[in-house]
PDB file of N, CA and C in Angstrom:
ATOM      1  N   MET A   1       5.408 -17.149   3.078  1.00  0.00           N
ATOM      2  CA  MET A   1       6.014 -16.277   2.111  1.00  0.00           C
ATOM      3  C   MET A   1       4.917 -15.556   1.308  1.00  0.00           C
ATOM      4  N   GLU A   2       3.856 -16.182   0.961  1.00  0.00           N
ATOM      5  CA  GLU A   2       2.766 -15.560   0.244  1.00  0.00           C
ATOM      6  C   GLU A   2       2.149 -14.475   1.089  1.00  0.00           C
ATOM      7  N   ASN A   3       1.967 -14.808   2.334  1.00  0.00           N
ATOM      8  CA  ASN A   3       1.363 -13.890   3.235  1.00  0.00           C
ATOM      9  C   ASN A   3       2.231 -12.598   3.366  1.00  0.00           C
ATOM     10  N   TYR A   4       3.494 -12.743   3.459  1.00  0.00           N
ATOM     11  CA  TYR A   4       4.463 -11.608   3.455  1.00  0.00           C
ATOM     12  C   TYR A   4       4.232 -10.714   2.198  1.00  0.00           C
ATOM     13  N   LEU A   5       4.269 -11.367   1.067  1.00  0.00           N
ATOM     14  CA  LEU A   5       4.220 -10.679  -0.145  1.00  0.00           C
ATOM     15  C   LEU A   5       2.850  -9.884  -0.222  1.00  0.00           C
ATOM     16  N   ILE A   6       1.774 -10.512   0.226  1.00  0.00           N
ATOM     17  CA  ILE A   6       0.476  -9.923   0.128  1.00  0.00           C
ATOM     18  C   ILE A   6       0.515  -8.721   1.175  1.00  0.00           C
ATOM     19  N   ASP A   7       1.002  -8.941   2.320  1.00  0.00           N
ATOM     20  CA  ASP A   7       0.961  -7.882   3.355  1.00  0.00           C
ATOM     21  C   ASP A   7       1.851  -6.628   2.794  1.00  0.00           C
ATOM     22  N   ASN A   8       2.999  -6.906   2.143  1.00  0.00           N
ATOM     23  CA  ASN A   8       3.884  -5.891   1.599  1.00  0.00           C
ATOM     24  C   ASN A   8       3.112  -5.162   0.523  1.00  0.00           C
ATOM     25  N   LEU A   9       2.407  -5.872  -0.336  1.00  0.00           N
ATOM     26  CA  LEU A   9       1.716  -5.307  -1.451  1.00  0.00           C
ATOM     27  C   LEU A   9       0.424  -4.356  -0.805  1.00  0.00           C
ATOM     28  N   ASP A  10      -0.097  -4.916   0.221  1.00  0.00           N
ATOM     29  CA  ASP A  10      -1.194  -4.137   0.897  1.00  0.00           C
ATOM     30  C   ASP A  10      -0.660  -2.812   1.396  1.00  0.00           C
ATOM     31  N   LYS A  11       0.565  -2.856   2.024  1.00  0.00           N
ATOM     32  CA  LYS A  11       1.129  -1.609   2.538  1.00  0.00           C
ATOM     33  C   LYS A  11       1.430  -0.665   1.502  1.00  0.00           C
ATOM     34  N   GLN A  12       1.962  -1.157   0.301  1.00  0.00           N
ATOM     35  CA  GLN A  12       2.306  -0.268  -0.745  1.00  0.00           C
ATOM     36  C   GLN A  12       1.051   0.396  -1.362  1.00  0.00           C
ATOM     37  N   ILE A  13      -0.062  -0.346  -1.411  1.00  0.00           N
ATOM     38  CA  ILE A  13      -1.333   0.183  -1.876  1.00  0.00           C
ATOM     39  C   ILE A  13      -1.767   1.252  -0.965  1.00  0.00           C
ATOM     40  N   LEU A  14      -1.668   0.966   0.312  1.00  0.00           N
ATOM     41  CA  LEU A  14      -2.141   1.905   1.439  1.00  0.00           C
ATOM     42  C   LEU A  14      -1.346   3.217   1.268  1.00  0.00           C
ATOM     43  N   HIS A  15      -0.105   3.059   1.111  1.00  0.00           N
ATOM     44  CA  HIS A  15       0.903   4.309   0.960  1.00  0.00           C
ATOM     45  C   HIS A  15       0.473   5.122  -0.206  1.00  0.00           C
ATOM     46  N   ALA A  16       0.135   4.414  -1.300  1.00  0.00           N
ATOM     47  CA  ALA A  16      -0.174   5.049  -2.490  1.00  0.00           C
ATOM     48  C   ALA A  16      -1.483   5.758  -2.393  1.00  0.00           C
ATOM     49  N   LEU A  17      -2.458   5.221  -1.724  1.00  0.00           N
ATOM     50  CA  LEU A  17      -3.697   5.865  -1.525  1.00  0.00           C
ATOM     51  C   LEU A  17      -3.588   7.046  -0.617  1.00  0.00           C
ATOM     52  N   MET A  18      -2.705   7.042   0.339  1.00  0.00           N
ATOM     53  CA  MET A  18      -2.573   8.088   1.275  1.00  0.00           C
ATOM     54  C   MET A  18      -1.793   9.264   0.515  1.00  0.00           C
ATOM     55  N   ALA A  19      -0.868   8.918  -0.277  1.00  0.00           N
ATOM     56  CA  ALA A  19      -0.191   9.883  -1.142  1.00  0.00           C
ATOM     57  C   ALA A  19      -1.165  10.582  -2.084  1.00  0.00           C
ATOM     58  N   ASN A  20      -1.994   9.854  -2.673  1.00  0.00           N
ATOM     59  CA  ASN A  20      -2.982  10.468  -3.563  1.00  0.00           C
ATOM     60  C   ASN A  20      -3.949  11.326  -2.796  1.00  0.00           C
ATOM     61  N   ALA A  21      -4.347  10.998  -1.627  1.00  0.00           N
ATOM     62  CA  ALA A  21      -5.211  11.735  -0.769  1.00  0.00           C
ATOM     63  C   ALA A  21      -4.553  13.040  -0.400  1.00  0.00           C
ATOM     64  N   ARG A  22      -3.358  13.067  -0.212  1.00  0.00           N
ATOM     65  CA  ARG A  22      -2.596  14.329   0.123  1.00  0.00           C
ATOM     66  C   ARG A  22      -2.593  15.256  -1.002  1.00  0.00           C
ATOM     67  N   THR A  23      -2.294  14.699  -2.160  1.00  0.00           N
ATOM     68  CA  THR A  23      -2.211  15.640  -3.441  1.00  0.00           C
ATOM     69  C   THR A  23      -3.527  15.996  -3.865  1.00  0.00           C
ATOM     70  N   ALA A  24      -4.594  15.249  -3.609  1.00  0.00           N
ATOM     71  CA  ALA A  24      -5.899  15.579  -4.211  1.00  0.00           C
ATOM     72  C   ALA A  24      -6.424  16.966  -3.583  1.00  0.00           C
TER      73      ALA A  24
END
């Protein structure tokens, strides 16, 4: 369960970074 939450959080951070890179 913890691994799933960490993996999900990792994906959210990755998407946020990619979105920031596009708008920058």
